[in-house]
Amino acid sequence: MDFEQRISTDAGTLSDGDLWLALKAGQTGALGSLYDRHSGLVYGIALKVLGQTQEAEDLTQDIFVKLARSTAYDPQRGSFRTYLAILTRSRAIDRLRSRQSARNSVARLQAGDQPQTPTPADALIQGERSEEVRSALAQLSANQQQILRLAYYEGLSQATIAEQLDTPLGTVKTHSRRGLLKLRQILQDRWGN
């Protein structure tokens, strides 16, 4: 009996780690078993954070679809259930922030708060500052630059960056913090603040 057949018949006896490794090895039946085992947990967390059944259902589906392509989970670092709980909470919070940002944008537009056109002098000062920030950013390590660019230029959360770079979240947070501290010091030295 090959592993795919074993998954379909013995899924209840395989550990989450075994199912994860099978999924990474291309055994698609493992995803169904992991879904059956953990979708209730993912949905429950998503519903608690988001407060809307449709959004919780969408997030649950997204988590498992992305799980099939992800390599971020490491069985040596903790349980699969804990990994899913943290991942779901993080993604749900990202969605809440996105929803709030969209509401704020709509509210500003409805209130007539149109951004003012900067004066030529303001535009020049802003351009010079942007160039100084880019120059300071270039002095950071490659990892710090990449993480800060993803966070501040592309607006990604640290959890999303960790998944995208296949790097532990703690490492992303450390590189981000150290990079920001170094960037602040470089800019303070330049601007005399």
N, C-alpha and C. Protein backbone atom coordinates (compact mmCIF):
# COMPACT_ATOMS: atom_id res chain seq x y z
N MET A 1 0.86 -1.17 0.00
CA MET A 1 0.00 0.00 0.00
C MET A 1 0.91 1.24 0.00
N ASP A 2 0.68 2.15 -0.96
CA ASP A 2 1.51 3.37 -1.00
C ASP A 2 1.00 4.38 0.02
N PHE A 3 1.78 5.43 0.21
CA PHE A 3 1.48 6.40 1.27
C PHE A 3 0.14 7.09 1.03
N GLU A 4 -0.19 7.41 -0.23
CA GLU A 4 -1.47 8.07 -0.55
C GLU A 4 -2.64 7.20 -0.11
N GLN A 5 -2.55 5.90 -0.36
CA GLN A 5 -3.61 4.99 0.06
C GLN A 5 -3.66 4.90 1.59
N ARG A 6 -2.48 4.92 2.21
CA ARG A 6 -2.42 4.87 3.67
C ARG A 6 -3.07 6.10 4.28
N ILE A 7 -2.87 7.26 3.65
CA ILE A 7 -3.49 8.48 4.16
C ILE A 7 -5.00 8.36 4.10
N SER A 8 -5.51 7.85 2.98
CA SER A 8 -6.96 7.78 2.85
C SER A 8 -7.57 6.75 3.80
N THR A 9 -6.82 5.71 4.15
CA THR A 9 -7.39 4.69 5.03
C THR A 9 -7.01 4.86 6.49
N ASP A 10 -5.80 5.39 6.77
CA ASP A 10 -5.31 5.49 8.14
C ASP A 10 -5.10 6.93 8.60
N ALA A 11 -5.78 7.88 8.00
CA ALA A 11 -5.55 9.30 8.33
C ALA A 11 -5.74 9.57 9.82
N GLY A 12 -6.65 8.87 10.44
CA GLY A 12 -6.91 9.10 11.85
C GLY A 12 -5.77 8.67 12.76
N THR A 13 -4.93 7.76 12.28
CA THR A 13 -3.82 7.28 13.10
C THR A 13 -2.52 8.02 12.84
N LEU A 14 -2.44 8.77 11.75
CA LEU A 14 -1.22 9.52 11.44
C LEU A 14 -1.17 10.82 12.25
N SER A 15 0.01 11.19 12.66
CA SER A 15 0.17 12.44 13.40
C SER A 15 0.06 13.63 12.44
N ASP A 16 -0.16 14.80 13.01
CA ASP A 16 -0.19 16.01 12.19
C ASP A 16 1.14 16.20 11.46
N GLY A 17 2.23 15.90 12.15
CA GLY A 17 3.55 16.02 11.53
C GLY A 17 3.70 15.10 10.33
N ASP A 18 3.21 13.86 10.45
CA ASP A 18 3.26 12.93 9.32
C ASP A 18 2.41 13.43 8.16
N LEU A 19 1.22 13.94 8.48
CA LEU A 19 0.36 14.47 7.42
C LEU A 19 0.98 15.69 6.76
N TRP A 20 1.63 16.54 7.56
CA TRP A 20 2.31 17.73 7.00
C TRP A 20 3.42 17.30 6.05
N LEU A 21 4.23 16.34 6.47
CA LEU A 21 5.32 15.86 5.62
C LEU A 21 4.78 15.22 4.35
N ALA A 22 3.68 14.51 4.48
CA ALA A 22 3.05 13.90 3.30
C ALA A 22 2.55 14.99 2.34
N LEU A 23 1.96 16.03 2.88
CA LEU A 23 1.48 17.15 2.06
C LEU A 23 2.65 17.79 1.32
N LYS A 24 3.75 18.01 2.01
CA LYS A 24 4.93 18.62 1.39
C LYS A 24 5.54 17.71 0.33
N ALA A 25 5.32 16.39 0.48
CA ALA A 25 5.82 15.41 -0.50
C ALA A 25 4.87 15.26 -1.68
N GLY A 26 3.80 16.04 -1.71
CA GLY A 26 2.88 16.00 -2.85
C GLY A 26 1.66 15.13 -2.66
N GLN A 27 1.47 14.61 -1.47
CA GLN A 27 0.32 13.75 -1.20
C GLN A 27 -0.89 14.64 -0.84
N THR A 28 -1.69 14.97 -1.83
CA THR A 28 -2.77 15.93 -1.64
C THR A 28 -3.85 15.46 -0.68
N GLY A 29 -3.99 14.17 -0.49
CA GLY A 29 -4.99 13.66 0.45
C GLY A 29 -4.71 14.09 1.88
N ALA A 30 -3.45 14.41 2.17
CA ALA A 30 -3.08 14.84 3.51
C ALA A 30 -3.74 16.16 3.87
N LEU A 31 -3.91 17.04 2.88
CA LEU A 31 -4.54 18.34 3.15
C LEU A 31 -5.98 18.14 3.62
N GLY A 32 -6.70 17.22 3.01
CA GLY A 32 -8.07 16.94 3.43
C GLY A 32 -8.14 16.43 4.86
N SER A 33 -7.18 15.59 5.21
CA SER A 33 -7.14 15.07 6.58
C SER A 33 -6.82 16.18 7.58
N LEU A 34 -5.87 17.04 7.22
CA LEU A 34 -5.55 18.16 8.11
C LEU A 34 -6.74 19.11 8.21
N TYR A 35 -7.44 19.33 7.11
CA TYR A 35 -8.62 20.19 7.12
C TYR A 35 -9.69 19.60 8.04
N ASP A 36 -9.96 18.32 7.86
CA ASP A 36 -10.98 17.67 8.69
C ASP A 36 -10.64 17.78 10.17
N ARG A 37 -9.37 17.66 10.48
CA ARG A 37 -8.91 17.67 11.86
C ARG A 37 -8.94 19.07 12.48
N HIS A 38 -8.61 20.11 11.70
CA HIS A 38 -8.34 21.42 12.29
C HIS A 38 -9.20 22.57 11.77
N SER A 39 -10.10 22.32 10.83
CA SER A 39 -10.89 23.44 10.29
C SER A 39 -11.79 24.07 11.35
N GLY A 40 -12.26 23.28 12.29
CA GLY A 40 -13.09 23.83 13.37
C GLY A 40 -12.32 24.84 14.22
N LEU A 41 -11.08 24.52 14.52
CA LEU A 41 -10.23 25.43 15.28
C LEU A 41 -10.01 26.72 14.50
N VAL A 42 -9.62 26.58 13.24
CA VAL A 42 -9.34 27.76 12.40
C VAL A 42 -10.58 28.62 12.27
N TYR A 43 -11.71 28.00 11.98
CA TYR A 43 -12.97 28.76 11.82
C TYR A 43 -13.34 29.45 13.13
N GLY A 44 -13.20 28.76 14.25
CA GLY A 44 -13.57 29.34 15.55
C GLY A 44 -12.74 30.58 15.87
N ILE A 45 -11.45 30.51 15.64
CA ILE A 45 -10.59 31.67 15.90
C ILE A 45 -10.93 32.80 14.94
N ALA A 46 -11.09 32.47 13.67
CA ALA A 46 -11.43 33.48 12.68
C ALA A 46 -12.74 34.17 13.02
N LEU A 47 -13.74 33.42 13.43
CA LEU A 47 -15.04 34.00 13.77
C LEU A 47 -14.93 34.88 15.00
N LYS A 48 -14.18 34.44 15.99
CA LYS A 48 -14.03 35.23 17.21
C LYS A 48 -13.36 36.58 16.92
N VAL A 49 -12.32 36.57 16.09
CA VAL A 49 -11.59 37.81 15.78
C VAL A 49 -12.37 38.69 14.81
N LEU A 50 -12.92 38.09 13.75
CA LEU A 50 -13.57 38.87 12.70
C LEU A 50 -15.03 39.21 13.00
N GLY A 51 -15.71 38.32 13.72
CA GLY A 51 -17.09 38.59 14.09
C GLY A 51 -18.11 38.41 12.98
N GLN A 52 -17.70 37.90 11.83
CA GLN A 52 -18.63 37.70 10.72
C GLN A 52 -18.42 36.30 10.14
N THR A 53 -19.51 35.55 10.01
CA THR A 53 -19.39 34.16 9.56
C THR A 53 -18.80 34.04 8.16
N GLN A 54 -19.22 34.91 7.24
CA GLN A 54 -18.72 34.81 5.87
C GLN A 54 -17.22 35.06 5.81
N GLU A 55 -16.77 36.08 6.53
CA GLU A 55 -15.33 36.36 6.55
C GLU A 55 -14.57 35.23 7.21
N ALA A 56 -15.12 34.65 8.27
CA ALA A 56 -14.46 33.54 8.95
C ALA A 56 -14.36 32.32 8.02
N GLU A 57 -15.42 32.07 7.25
CA GLU A 57 -15.39 30.97 6.29
C GLU A 57 -14.35 31.22 5.21
N ASP A 58 -14.31 32.45 4.70
CA ASP A 58 -13.32 32.80 3.67
C ASP A 58 -11.90 32.65 4.19
N LEU A 59 -11.66 33.11 5.40
CA LEU A 59 -10.32 33.02 5.98
C LEU A 59 -9.93 31.56 6.21
N THR A 60 -10.86 30.75 6.67
CA THR A 60 -10.59 29.33 6.88
C THR A 60 -10.15 28.69 5.58
N GLN A 61 -10.87 28.98 4.51
CA GLN A 61 -10.50 28.44 3.20
C GLN A 61 -9.13 28.95 2.78
N ASP A 62 -8.87 30.24 2.94
CA ASP A 62 -7.58 30.83 2.56
C ASP A 62 -6.42 30.19 3.32
N ILE A 63 -6.63 29.97 4.62
CA ILE A 63 -5.57 29.37 5.44
C ILE A 63 -5.17 28.01 4.88
N PHE A 64 -6.16 27.17 4.56
CA PHE A 64 -5.83 25.82 4.09
C PHE A 64 -5.32 25.81 2.66
N VAL A 65 -5.79 26.73 1.83
CA VAL A 65 -5.25 26.83 0.46
C VAL A 65 -3.78 27.24 0.52
N LYS A 66 -3.47 28.25 1.35
CA LYS A 66 -2.09 28.71 1.47
C LYS A 66 -1.22 27.65 2.16
N LEU A 67 -1.82 26.89 3.04
CA LEU A 67 -1.09 25.83 3.73
C LEU A 67 -0.53 24.82 2.74
N ALA A 68 -1.27 24.55 1.69
CA ALA A 68 -0.82 23.58 0.69
C ALA A 68 0.45 24.06 -0.02
N ARG A 69 0.64 25.38 -0.10
CA ARG A 69 1.82 25.93 -0.79
C ARG A 69 2.91 26.37 0.17
N SER A 70 2.62 26.41 1.45
CA SER A 70 3.55 26.96 2.44
C SER A 70 4.57 25.92 2.90
N THR A 71 5.72 26.43 3.31
CA THR A 71 6.73 25.58 3.94
C THR A 71 7.12 26.14 5.29
N ALA A 72 6.30 27.04 5.82
CA ALA A 72 6.65 27.77 7.04
C ALA A 72 6.59 26.92 8.31
N TYR A 73 5.77 25.90 8.35
CA TYR A 73 5.64 25.10 9.56
C TYR A 73 6.85 24.17 9.72
N ASP A 74 7.38 24.12 10.93
CA ASP A 74 8.49 23.24 11.26
C ASP A 74 8.05 22.37 12.44
N PRO A 75 7.85 21.07 12.19
CA PRO A 75 7.38 20.18 13.27
C PRO A 75 8.29 20.18 14.50
N GLN A 76 9.56 20.53 14.32
CA GLN A 76 10.49 20.55 15.44
C GLN A 76 10.24 21.73 16.39
N ARG A 77 9.53 22.76 15.91
CA ARG A 77 9.34 23.98 16.70
C ARG A 77 8.05 24.00 17.51
N GLY A 78 7.14 23.09 17.26
CA GLY A 78 5.90 23.09 18.03
C GLY A 78 4.81 22.32 17.32
N SER A 79 3.65 22.28 17.94
CA SER A 79 2.55 21.50 17.39
C SER A 79 1.93 22.21 16.19
N PHE A 80 1.38 21.41 15.31
CA PHE A 80 0.72 21.93 14.11
C PHE A 80 -0.51 22.74 14.50
N ARG A 81 -1.21 22.28 15.51
CA ARG A 81 -2.42 22.97 15.97
C ARG A 81 -2.08 24.37 16.47
N THR A 82 -1.00 24.51 17.22
CA THR A 82 -0.57 25.83 17.70
C THR A 82 -0.17 26.71 16.53
N TYR A 83 0.57 26.13 15.58
CA TYR A 83 0.97 26.88 14.38
C TYR A 83 -0.27 27.43 13.65
N LEU A 84 -1.27 26.58 13.46
CA LEU A 84 -2.50 27.01 12.78
C LEU A 84 -3.23 28.10 13.58
N ALA A 85 -3.27 27.96 14.88
CA ALA A 85 -3.95 28.95 15.72
C ALA A 85 -3.28 30.31 15.59
N ILE A 86 -1.95 30.33 15.66
CA ILE A 86 -1.21 31.60 15.56
C ILE A 86 -1.37 32.19 14.16
N LEU A 87 -1.25 31.35 13.14
CA LEU A 87 -1.39 31.80 11.75
C LEU A 87 -2.79 32.39 11.52
N THR A 88 -3.81 31.72 12.00
CA THR A 88 -5.18 32.19 11.81
C THR A 88 -5.42 33.51 12.52
N ARG A 89 -4.97 33.60 13.74
CA ARG A 89 -5.15 34.86 14.49
C ARG A 89 -4.45 36.01 13.78
N SER A 90 -3.25 35.77 13.32
CA SER A 90 -2.48 36.81 12.63
C SER A 90 -3.19 37.26 11.35
N ARG A 91 -3.65 36.30 10.57
CA ARG A 91 -4.34 36.64 9.31
C ARG A 91 -5.66 37.37 9.58
N ALA A 92 -6.35 36.96 10.63
CA ALA A 92 -7.62 37.60 10.97
C ALA A 92 -7.38 39.05 11.40
N ILE A 93 -6.34 39.28 12.17
CA ILE A 93 -6.01 40.65 12.59
C ILE A 93 -5.61 41.49 11.38
N ASP A 94 -4.86 40.88 10.44
CA ASP A 94 -4.51 41.59 9.20
C ASP A 94 -5.78 42.02 8.46
N ARG A 95 -6.76 41.14 8.42
CA ARG A 95 -8.02 41.48 7.73
C ARG A 95 -8.77 42.59 8.46
N LEU A 96 -8.77 42.54 9.78
CA LEU A 96 -9.42 43.61 10.54
C LEU A 96 -8.76 44.95 10.26
N ARG A 97 -7.44 44.97 10.24
CA ARG A 97 -6.72 46.22 9.96
C ARG A 97 -7.03 46.72 8.55
N SER A 98 -7.08 45.81 7.62
CA SER A 98 -7.39 46.18 6.24
C SER A 98 -8.80 46.74 6.14
N ARG A 99 -9.73 46.09 6.84
CA ARG A 99 -11.12 46.55 6.84
C ARG A 99 -11.22 47.95 7.45
N GLN A 100 -10.52 48.16 8.57
CA GLN A 100 -10.55 49.47 9.24
C GLN A 100 -9.91 50.55 8.37
N SER A 101 -8.84 50.21 7.71
CA SER A 101 -8.18 51.16 6.82
C SER A 101 -9.10 51.57 5.68
N ALA A 102 -9.81 50.60 5.12
CA ALA A 102 -10.75 50.90 4.04
C ALA A 102 -11.89 51.79 4.56
N ARG A 103 -12.39 51.50 5.76
CA ARG A 103 -13.45 52.33 6.33
C ARG A 103 -12.97 53.76 6.56
N ASN A 104 -11.74 53.89 7.07
CA ASN A 104 -11.19 55.23 7.30
C ASN A 104 -11.05 56.00 6.00
N SER A 105 -10.62 55.33 4.94
CA SER A 105 -10.48 55.98 3.64
C SER A 105 -11.83 56.46 3.11
N VAL A 106 -12.83 55.61 3.23
CA VAL A 106 -14.17 55.98 2.77
C VAL A 106 -14.70 57.15 3.60
N ALA A 107 -14.49 57.09 4.91
CA ALA A 107 -14.97 58.17 5.78
C ALA A 107 -14.30 59.50 5.42
N ARG A 108 -13.00 59.47 5.14
CA ARG A 108 -12.30 60.69 4.75
C ARG A 108 -12.85 61.25 3.44
N LEU A 109 -13.11 60.35 2.50
CA LEU A 109 -13.65 60.81 1.22
C LEU A 109 -15.05 61.39 1.38
N GLN A 110 -15.86 60.73 2.21
CA GLN A 110 -17.21 61.22 2.43
C GLN A 110 -17.21 62.55 3.17
N ALA A 111 -16.23 62.74 4.03
CA ALA A 111 -16.16 63.99 4.80
C ALA A 111 -15.55 65.12 3.97
N GLY A 112 -15.07 64.78 2.80
CA GLY A 112 -14.51 65.81 1.94
C GLY A 112 -13.08 66.17 2.28
N ASP A 113 -12.41 65.35 3.08
CA ASP A 113 -11.02 65.59 3.40
C ASP A 113 -10.14 65.15 2.24
N GLN A 114 -10.04 65.99 1.28
CA GLN A 114 -9.17 65.70 0.15
C GLN A 114 -7.75 66.11 0.50
N PRO A 115 -6.78 65.28 0.15
CA PRO A 115 -5.41 65.65 0.45
C PRO A 115 -5.04 66.97 -0.23
N GLN A 116 -4.36 67.82 0.51
CA GLN A 116 -3.95 69.09 -0.06
C GLN A 116 -2.76 68.88 -0.97
N THR A 117 -2.71 69.67 -2.02
CA THR A 117 -1.59 69.61 -2.94
C THR A 117 -0.41 70.31 -2.27
N PRO A 118 0.73 69.61 -2.18
CA PRO A 118 1.87 70.24 -1.53
C PRO A 118 2.42 71.39 -2.38
N THR A 119 2.99 72.35 -1.69
CA THR A 119 3.64 73.46 -2.39
C THR A 119 4.92 72.91 -3.02
N PRO A 120 5.48 73.61 -3.98
CA PRO A 120 6.74 73.15 -4.57
C PRO A 120 7.85 72.99 -3.52
N ALA A 121 7.89 73.89 -2.54
CA ALA A 121 8.90 73.77 -1.50
C ALA A 121 8.68 72.51 -0.66
N ASP A 122 7.41 72.21 -0.31
CA ASP A 122 7.09 71.00 0.44
C ASP A 122 7.49 69.75 -0.34
N ALA A 123 7.19 69.78 -1.63
CA ALA A 123 7.53 68.64 -2.48
C ALA A 123 9.04 68.44 -2.55
N LEU A 124 9.79 69.52 -2.63
CA LEU A 124 11.25 69.43 -2.68
C LEU A 124 11.80 68.86 -1.38
N ILE A 125 11.31 69.36 -0.26
CA ILE A 125 11.76 68.87 1.05
C ILE A 125 11.43 67.39 1.20
N GLN A 126 10.21 67.02 0.80
CA GLN A 126 9.79 65.62 0.90
C GLN A 126 10.67 64.74 0.01
N GLY A 127 10.99 65.19 -1.17
CA GLY A 127 11.85 64.43 -2.08
C GLY A 127 13.24 64.24 -1.51
N GLU A 128 13.79 65.29 -0.89
CA GLU A 128 15.12 65.19 -0.28
C GLU A 128 15.10 64.21 0.88
N ARG A 129 14.07 64.29 1.70
CA ARG A 129 13.96 63.37 2.84
C ARG A 129 13.82 61.92 2.36
N SER A 130 13.02 61.71 1.33
CA SER A 130 12.84 60.36 0.79
C SER A 130 14.16 59.79 0.30
N GLU A 131 14.96 60.63 -0.37
CA GLU A 131 16.26 60.19 -0.87
C GLU A 131 17.20 59.86 0.29
N GLU A 132 17.15 60.66 1.35
CA GLU A 132 17.99 60.39 2.53
C GLU A 132 17.58 59.08 3.20
N VAL A 133 16.30 58.82 3.26
CA VAL A 133 15.82 57.56 3.85
C VAL A 133 16.29 56.38 2.99
N ARG A 134 16.18 56.50 1.67
CA ARG A 134 16.63 55.43 0.78
C ARG A 134 18.13 55.18 0.95
N SER A 135 18.88 56.25 1.06
CA SER A 135 20.33 56.14 1.24
C SER A 135 20.66 55.47 2.58
N ALA A 136 19.94 55.84 3.63
CA ALA A 136 20.15 55.23 4.95
C ALA A 136 19.75 53.76 4.92
N LEU A 137 18.67 53.45 4.24
CA LEU A 137 18.20 52.08 4.12
C LEU A 137 19.26 51.20 3.45
N ALA A 138 19.98 51.76 2.50
CA ALA A 138 21.01 51.01 1.79
C ALA A 138 22.17 50.62 2.71
N GLN A 139 22.29 51.25 3.86
CA GLN A 139 23.37 50.94 4.80
C GLN A 139 23.04 49.78 5.73
N LEU A 140 21.82 49.29 5.67
CA LEU A 140 21.40 48.18 6.51
C LEU A 140 21.81 46.85 5.87
N SER A 141 21.74 45.77 6.64
CA SER A 141 22.03 44.44 6.08
C SER A 141 20.97 44.10 5.04
N ALA A 142 21.29 43.16 4.17
CA ALA A 142 20.35 42.77 3.11
C ALA A 142 19.03 42.26 3.70
N ASN A 143 19.10 41.47 4.79
CA ASN A 143 17.88 40.95 5.42
C ASN A 143 17.04 42.09 5.98
N GLN A 144 17.68 43.02 6.67
CA GLN A 144 16.95 44.15 7.24
C GLN A 144 16.30 44.99 6.15
N GLN A 145 17.04 45.25 5.07
CA GLN A 145 16.48 46.03 3.95
C GLN A 145 15.25 45.34 3.38
N GLN A 146 15.37 44.05 3.10
CA GLN A 146 14.27 43.31 2.50
C GLN A 146 13.03 43.34 3.39
N ILE A 147 13.21 43.09 4.67
CA ILE A 147 12.06 43.05 5.59
C ILE A 147 11.43 44.44 5.73
N LEU A 148 12.24 45.47 5.86
CA LEU A 148 11.68 46.83 6.01
C LEU A 148 10.99 47.28 4.73
N ARG A 149 11.53 46.92 3.58
CA ARG A 149 10.86 47.29 2.31
C ARG A 149 9.50 46.59 2.19
N LEU A 150 9.47 45.30 2.53
CA LEU A 150 8.19 44.58 2.47
C LEU A 150 7.18 45.16 3.45
N ALA A 151 7.66 45.55 4.63
CA ALA A 151 6.75 46.07 5.64
C ALA A 151 6.27 47.48 5.30
N TYR A 152 7.16 48.36 4.90
CA TYR A 152 6.79 49.77 4.78
C TYR A 152 6.48 50.22 3.36
N TYR A 153 7.06 49.58 2.37
CA TYR A 153 6.73 49.97 1.00
C TYR A 153 5.60 49.13 0.42
N GLU A 154 5.50 47.87 0.86
CA GLU A 154 4.44 47.00 0.36
C GLU A 154 3.33 46.78 1.37
N GLY A 155 3.52 47.25 2.61
CA GLY A 155 2.47 47.20 3.62
C GLY A 155 2.17 45.81 4.17
N LEU A 156 3.12 44.89 4.12
CA LEU A 156 2.88 43.53 4.61
C LEU A 156 3.10 43.45 6.13
N SER A 157 2.34 42.59 6.76
CA SER A 157 2.53 42.36 8.19
C SER A 157 3.77 41.49 8.39
N GLN A 158 4.28 41.48 9.61
CA GLN A 158 5.47 40.66 9.88
C GLN A 158 5.17 39.18 9.69
N ALA A 159 3.98 38.76 10.02
CA ALA A 159 3.61 37.36 9.83
C ALA A 159 3.60 37.00 8.35
N THR A 160 3.07 37.89 7.53
CA THR A 160 3.04 37.65 6.09
C THR A 160 4.45 37.63 5.53
N ILE A 161 5.29 38.53 6.00
CA ILE A 161 6.69 38.56 5.55
C ILE A 161 7.38 37.25 5.92
N ALA A 162 7.16 36.79 7.15
CA ALA A 162 7.78 35.53 7.60
C ALA A 162 7.36 34.38 6.69
N GLU A 163 6.09 34.32 6.36
CA GLU A 163 5.61 33.26 5.49
C GLU A 163 6.19 33.40 4.09
N GLN A 164 6.18 34.62 3.57
CA GLN A 164 6.67 34.86 2.21
C GLN A 164 8.16 34.55 2.08
N LEU A 165 8.94 34.86 3.12
CA LEU A 165 10.38 34.63 3.08
C LEU A 165 10.77 33.26 3.64
N ASP A 166 9.76 32.51 4.10
CA ASP A 166 10.00 31.21 4.71
C ASP A 166 11.04 31.33 5.83
N THR A 167 10.78 32.31 6.70
CA THR A 167 11.67 32.64 7.81
C THR A 167 10.83 32.66 9.09
N PRO A 168 11.39 32.21 10.20
CA PRO A 168 10.62 32.26 11.46
C PRO A 168 10.19 33.69 11.79
N LEU A 169 9.00 33.83 12.35
CA LEU A 169 8.46 35.15 12.68
C LEU A 169 9.37 35.89 13.64
N GLY A 170 9.95 35.22 14.60
CA GLY A 170 10.86 35.86 15.54
C GLY A 170 12.07 36.48 14.85
N THR A 171 12.57 35.81 13.84
CA THR A 171 13.70 36.34 13.07
C THR A 171 13.30 37.59 12.32
N VAL A 172 12.11 37.57 11.73
CA VAL A 172 11.61 38.75 11.01
C VAL A 172 11.48 39.92 11.98
N LYS A 173 10.91 39.67 13.15
CA LYS A 173 10.74 40.73 14.14
C LYS A 173 12.09 41.29 14.59
N THR A 174 13.06 40.41 14.80
CA THR A 174 14.39 40.86 15.23
C THR A 174 15.06 41.71 14.16
N HIS A 175 15.04 41.23 12.90
CA HIS A 175 15.64 42.01 11.81
C HIS A 175 14.94 43.35 11.64
N SER A 176 13.62 43.35 11.77
CA SER A 176 12.86 44.59 11.62
C SER A 176 13.23 45.59 12.71
N ARG A 177 13.24 45.12 13.95
CA ARG A 177 13.55 46.02 15.07
C ARG A 177 14.96 46.57 14.98
N ARG A 178 15.92 45.68 14.75
CA ARG A 178 17.31 46.14 14.65
C ARG A 178 17.51 47.08 13.46
N GLY A 179 16.85 46.77 12.36
CA GLY A 179 16.95 47.64 11.18
C GLY A 179 16.38 49.01 11.44
N LEU A 180 15.22 49.06 12.11
CA LEU A 180 14.60 50.35 12.42
C LEU A 180 15.46 51.17 13.39
N LEU A 181 16.05 50.49 14.37
CA LEU A 181 16.91 51.21 15.32
C LEU A 181 18.14 51.78 14.61
N LYS A 182 18.73 50.99 13.74
CA LYS A 182 19.91 51.46 13.01
C LYS A 182 19.52 52.59 12.05
N LEU A 183 18.40 52.44 11.37
CA LEU A 183 17.91 53.47 10.45
C LEU A 183 17.66 54.78 11.20
N ARG A 184 17.04 54.68 12.37
CA ARG A 184 16.78 55.87 13.17
C ARG A 184 18.08 56.57 13.56
N GLN A 185 19.08 55.76 13.96
CA GLN A 185 20.36 56.35 14.35
C GLN A 185 21.04 57.05 13.17
N ILE A 186 21.02 56.42 12.02
CA ILE A 186 21.64 57.01 10.82
C ILE A 186 20.97 58.33 10.49
N LEU A 187 19.63 58.35 10.51
CA LEU A 187 18.89 59.57 10.15
C LEU A 187 19.06 60.65 11.21
N GLN A 188 19.12 60.27 12.48
CA GLN A 188 19.34 61.27 13.54
C GLN A 188 20.72 61.91 13.38
N ASP A 189 21.70 61.11 13.01
CA ASP A 189 23.04 61.65 12.79
C ASP A 189 23.04 62.63 11.62
N ARG A 190 22.29 62.34 10.57
CA ARG A 190 22.24 63.20 9.40
C ARG A 190 21.45 64.50 9.66
N TRP A 191 20.32 64.33 10.35
CA TRP A 191 19.42 65.47 10.52
C TRP A 191 19.69 66.23 11.80
N GLY A 192 20.58 65.70 12.63
CA GLY A 192 20.94 66.40 13.86
C GLY A 192 19.84 66.45 14.88
N ASN A 193 18.94 65.48 14.89
CA ASN A 193 17.83 65.46 15.86
C ASN A 193 18.21 64.66 17.07
